[in-house]
N, C-alpha and C. Protein backbone atom coordinates (compact mmCIF):
# COMPACT_ATOMS: atom_id res chain seq x y z
N MET A 1 25.48 26.16 13.22
CA MET A 1 24.50 26.10 13.20
C MET A 1 23.69 24.84 13.34
N GLU A 2 22.84 23.85 13.94
CA GLU A 2 21.73 23.23 13.29
C GLU A 2 20.93 24.16 12.73
N ASP A 3 20.59 22.72 11.46
CA ASP A 3 19.03 22.95 10.44
C ASP A 3 18.42 23.26 11.66
N TRP A 4 17.22 22.45 12.44
CA TRP A 4 16.00 22.80 13.09
C TRP A 4 16.22 24.12 13.40
N MET A 5 17.78 24.61 14.41
CA MET A 5 18.00 26.12 14.79
C MET A 5 16.95 27.18 13.84
N LYS A 6 17.50 27.30 12.29
CA LYS A 6 16.67 28.42 11.58
C LYS A 6 15.55 28.04 11.64
N GLU A 7 14.81 27.10 11.99
CA GLU A 7 13.36 27.27 12.33
C GLU A 7 12.75 28.51 12.85
N LEU A 8 13.60 28.60 13.84
CA LEU A 8 12.70 29.73 15.44
C LEU A 8 12.33 30.77 14.77
N SER A 9 11.75 31.38 15.65
CA SER A 9 11.33 32.63 15.31
C SER A 9 10.94 33.57 16.08
N LEU A 10 10.64 34.65 16.11
CA LEU A 10 10.06 35.82 17.03
C LEU A 10 9.25 35.10 17.84
N ASP A 11 8.35 34.75 17.31
CA ASP A 11 7.21 34.56 17.81
C ASP A 11 7.61 33.19 19.47
N LEU A 12 8.45 32.15 18.90
CA LEU A 12 8.66 31.17 20.18
C LEU A 12 9.92 31.78 21.09
N ILE A 13 10.13 32.86 20.86
CA ILE A 13 11.25 33.46 22.02
C ILE A 13 10.59 34.63 22.76
N PRO A 14 10.94 35.07 24.46
CA PRO A 14 10.20 35.42 25.22
C PRO A 14 9.60 36.55 24.55
N ASN A 15 8.98 37.38 24.91
CA ASN A 15 8.17 39.11 24.84
C ASN A 15 9.89 40.12 24.84
N ASN A 16 10.38 39.16 25.69
CA ASN A 16 11.16 40.51 26.91
C ASN A 16 12.37 40.53 26.23
N LEU A 17 12.65 39.44 25.39
CA LEU A 17 13.93 39.04 24.53
C LEU A 17 13.61 39.85 22.45
N HIS A 18 12.89 39.83 22.87
CA HIS A 18 12.53 40.49 21.32
C HIS A 18 13.30 41.71 21.03
N PRO A 19 13.41 42.92 21.62
CA PRO A 19 14.36 44.31 21.40
C PRO A 19 15.57 43.45 20.91
N LEU A 20 15.99 42.67 21.73
CA LEU A 20 17.25 42.13 21.47
C LEU A 20 17.70 41.69 20.13
N VAL A 21 16.98 40.57 19.82
CA VAL A 21 16.69 40.01 18.86
C VAL A 21 16.12 40.97 17.68
N GLU A 22 15.18 41.57 17.62
CA GLU A 22 14.96 42.56 16.42
C GLU A 22 17.01 42.92 16.50
N MET A 23 17.38 44.48 17.30
CA MET A 23 18.62 44.42 17.13
C MET A 23 19.77 43.23 16.29
N THR A 24 19.90 42.30 16.96
CA THR A 24 21.07 41.37 16.11
C THR A 24 20.61 40.22 15.26
N GLY A 25 19.25 40.33 15.36
CA GLY A 25 18.90 39.07 14.66
C GLY A 25 18.75 37.75 15.38
N ILE A 26 18.43 37.14 14.83
CA ILE A 26 18.13 35.30 15.41
C ILE A 26 19.02 34.96 15.33
N GLU A 27 20.35 34.26 14.51
CA GLU A 27 21.61 33.55 14.91
C GLU A 27 22.19 34.26 15.67
N THR A 28 22.78 35.72 15.54
CA THR A 28 23.49 36.79 16.66
C THR A 28 23.26 36.28 17.95
N PHE A 29 21.60 36.06 18.06
CA PHE A 29 20.96 36.20 19.10
C PHE A 29 21.29 34.86 19.79
N LEU A 30 21.53 33.92 18.83
CA LEU A 30 21.26 32.32 19.30
C LEU A 30 23.19 32.31 19.90
N LYS A 31 23.76 32.94 19.07
CA LYS A 31 25.44 32.42 19.59
C LYS A 31 25.46 33.48 21.07
N LEU A 32 25.09 34.60 20.89
CA LEU A 32 25.07 35.42 22.52
C LEU A 32 24.55 33.99 23.33
N CYS A 33 22.80 33.72 23.34
CA CYS A 33 22.57 32.74 24.36
C CYS A 33 23.43 31.96 24.30
N SER A 34 24.76 31.26 23.24
CA SER A 34 25.19 29.77 23.48
C SER A 34 26.19 31.14 24.09
N TYR A 35 26.88 31.57 24.26
CA TYR A 35 28.52 32.71 24.94
C TYR A 35 28.15 32.60 26.50
N TYR A 36 26.33 33.75 26.52
CA TYR A 36 26.34 34.02 27.88
C TYR A 36 25.45 33.46 28.46
N GLY A 37 24.63 31.89 28.33
CA GLY A 37 23.82 31.65 28.88
C GLY A 37 23.42 31.65 30.08
N GLY A 38 22.66 31.45 30.87
CA GLY A 38 22.77 31.86 32.17
C GLY A 38 23.20 32.55 33.29
N SER A 39 24.03 33.63 32.14
CA SER A 39 24.45 34.48 33.32
C SER A 39 24.13 35.88 33.29
N ASN A 40 24.18 36.60 34.09
CA ASN A 40 23.87 38.20 34.34
C ASN A 40 24.47 38.75 33.37
N VAL A 41 24.36 39.82 32.32
CA VAL A 41 25.01 39.91 31.64
C VAL A 41 25.07 41.83 31.63
N TYR A 42 26.32 42.38 31.99
CA TYR A 42 26.11 44.23 31.57
C TYR A 42 26.50 44.86 30.64
N PHE A 43 25.82 45.79 30.15
CA PHE A 43 25.77 46.49 29.02
C PHE A 43 25.36 47.24 29.81
N PRO A 44 27.13 48.46 29.90
CA PRO A 44 27.46 49.99 30.04
C PRO A 44 26.22 50.80 28.73
N ARG A 45 25.93 52.08 30.10
CA ARG A 45 25.70 52.47 28.28
C ARG A 45 26.09 53.60 27.41
N ASP A 46 25.63 53.85 26.88
CA ASP A 46 26.56 54.02 25.05
C ASP A 46 27.20 55.49 25.20
N GLU A 47 26.71 56.24 26.64
CA GLU A 47 27.66 57.65 26.84
C GLU A 47 28.68 56.61 27.16
N THR A 48 28.70 56.22 28.08
CA THR A 48 30.12 55.55 29.13
C THR A 48 30.58 54.84 27.76
N MET A 49 30.69 54.46 26.85
CA MET A 49 32.02 53.71 25.59
C MET A 49 32.18 54.55 24.43
N LEU A 50 31.53 55.86 24.76
CA LEU A 50 31.76 57.04 24.33
C LEU A 50 32.48 57.95 24.29
N MET A 51 32.98 58.21 25.97
CA MET A 51 33.37 58.43 27.10
C MET A 51 35.11 58.87 26.56
N PRO A 52 35.36 58.15 26.19
CA PRO A 52 37.33 57.63 25.61
C PRO A 52 37.02 58.62 24.27
N LEU A 53 36.64 58.59 23.28
CA LEU A 53 36.17 58.75 22.41
C LEU A 53 36.52 61.01 22.79
N ARG A 54 34.80 60.66 23.35
CA ARG A 54 34.81 62.33 22.97
C ARG A 54 35.94 63.24 24.00
N ASN A 55 36.82 62.16 25.36
CA ASN A 55 38.07 63.11 25.68
C ASN A 55 39.12 62.83 24.97
N GLN A 56 39.54 62.35 24.01
CA GLN A 56 40.05 61.94 23.42
C GLN A 56 39.88 63.63 22.29
N ARG A 57 39.29 63.55 21.82
CA ARG A 57 38.61 64.90 20.32
C ARG A 57 38.46 66.07 21.63
N ILE A 58 38.89 65.80 23.03
CA ILE A 58 38.39 67.63 23.17
C ILE A 58 39.66 67.83 23.55
N LYS A 59 40.94 66.56 23.74
CA LYS A 59 42.41 66.63 24.32
C LYS A 59 42.63 67.35 22.41
N GLN A 60 42.33 66.84 21.50
CA GLN A 60 43.11 67.25 20.24
C GLN A 60 42.71 68.80 19.72
N GLU A 61 41.22 68.73 20.05
CA GLU A 61 40.79 70.13 19.53
C GLU A 61 40.94 71.37 20.30
N TYR A 62 41.66 71.42 21.74
CA TYR A 62 42.09 72.01 22.76
C TYR A 62 43.61 73.02 22.04
N ASN A 63 42.93 74.52 22.26
CA ASN A 63 44.59 74.85 21.24
C ASN A 63 45.07 75.68 22.86
N GLY A 64 44.58 75.84 23.52
CA GLY A 64 44.78 76.56 25.10
C GLY A 64 44.38 77.67 25.13
N HIS A 65 43.32 78.12 24.10
CA HIS A 65 42.99 79.25 24.92
C HIS A 65 41.39 78.92 23.92
N ASN A 66 40.77 77.99 24.10
CA ASN A 66 39.37 77.76 23.53
C ASN A 66 38.43 77.15 24.46
N LEU A 67 38.99 76.79 25.99
CA LEU A 67 38.54 76.59 26.50
C LEU A 67 37.02 76.32 27.01
N VAL A 68 36.15 78.24 27.13
CA VAL A 68 35.05 78.07 27.04
C VAL A 68 34.33 77.58 25.94
N GLU A 69 35.12 77.25 24.78
CA GLU A 69 33.71 77.59 23.63
C GLU A 69 33.68 75.11 23.43
N ILE A 70 34.92 74.78 23.85
CA ILE A 70 34.96 73.54 24.17
C ILE A 70 34.09 72.56 25.29
N CYS A 71 33.99 73.67 26.28
CA CYS A 71 33.21 73.70 26.99
C CYS A 71 31.58 73.74 26.64
N ARG A 72 31.29 74.19 26.02
CA ARG A 72 28.96 74.28 25.48
C ARG A 72 29.97 73.37 23.98
N LYS A 73 30.59 73.00 23.18
CA LYS A 73 30.39 72.29 22.22
C LYS A 73 30.10 70.63 23.56
N PHE A 74 30.76 70.85 23.79
CA PHE A 74 30.40 68.85 24.77
C PHE A 74 29.91 69.46 25.76
N ARG A 75 29.31 70.03 26.34
CA ARG A 75 28.21 70.14 27.52
C ARG A 75 28.82 69.34 28.76
N LEU A 76 30.05 70.52 28.67
CA LEU A 76 31.25 69.77 30.30
C LEU A 76 30.87 71.65 30.88
N SER A 77 31.31 71.25 32.59
CA SER A 77 31.54 72.85 33.07
C SER A 77 33.41 73.06 33.02
N GLU A 78 34.20 73.70 33.05
CA GLU A 78 35.20 74.30 33.20
C GLU A 78 36.12 72.91 33.85
N ARG A 79 35.19 72.96 34.81
CA ARG A 79 36.01 72.03 35.64
C ARG A 79 36.50 70.23 35.42
N GLN A 80 35.17 70.38 35.22
CA GLN A 80 35.29 68.76 33.97
C GLN A 80 35.92 68.56 33.51
N THR A 81 36.39 69.77 32.34
CA THR A 81 37.35 69.48 30.93
C THR A 81 38.21 69.51 31.18
N ARG A 82 39.21 70.60 32.50
CA ARG A 82 40.52 70.49 32.39
C ARG A 82 40.49 69.15 33.42
N HIS A 83 40.04 69.10 34.00
CA HIS A 83 40.73 67.86 34.56
C HIS A 83 40.71 66.12 33.66
N ILE A 84 40.08 66.37 32.40
CA ILE A 84 40.01 65.78 31.30
C ILE A 84 41.59 65.85 30.21
N LEU A 85 41.89 67.67 30.64
CA LEU A 85 43.45 67.73 29.47
C LEU A 85 44.38 67.13 30.30
N ASN A 86 44.07 67.58 31.49
CA ASN A 86 44.98 67.12 33.20
C ASN A 86 45.57 65.59 33.11
N LYS A 87 44.45 64.80 32.50
CA LYS A 87 44.65 63.53 32.62
C LYS A 87 45.85 63.15 31.46
N GLN A 88 46.83 62.03 31.55
CA GLN A 88 47.70 62.02 30.71
C GLN A 88 47.41 60.60 30.07
């Protein structure tokens, strides 16, 4: 990174980007700008990113007799849970 870029501060960055800068830090923010600059970037919801892990846990915890408990724990219907359990 160029030395002069290290002088960039939050007050020089548009307000709508402040949350991203605060989460990532200015250096990472500039790397993101360099990589994605001019593009529209979609960030999936955190729930979407965690769904495969949730489904894996459901399969690990299911013992053939605890469907109702699993549904309650993960706040899913029996139909949703059965669908997850039947997926390969």
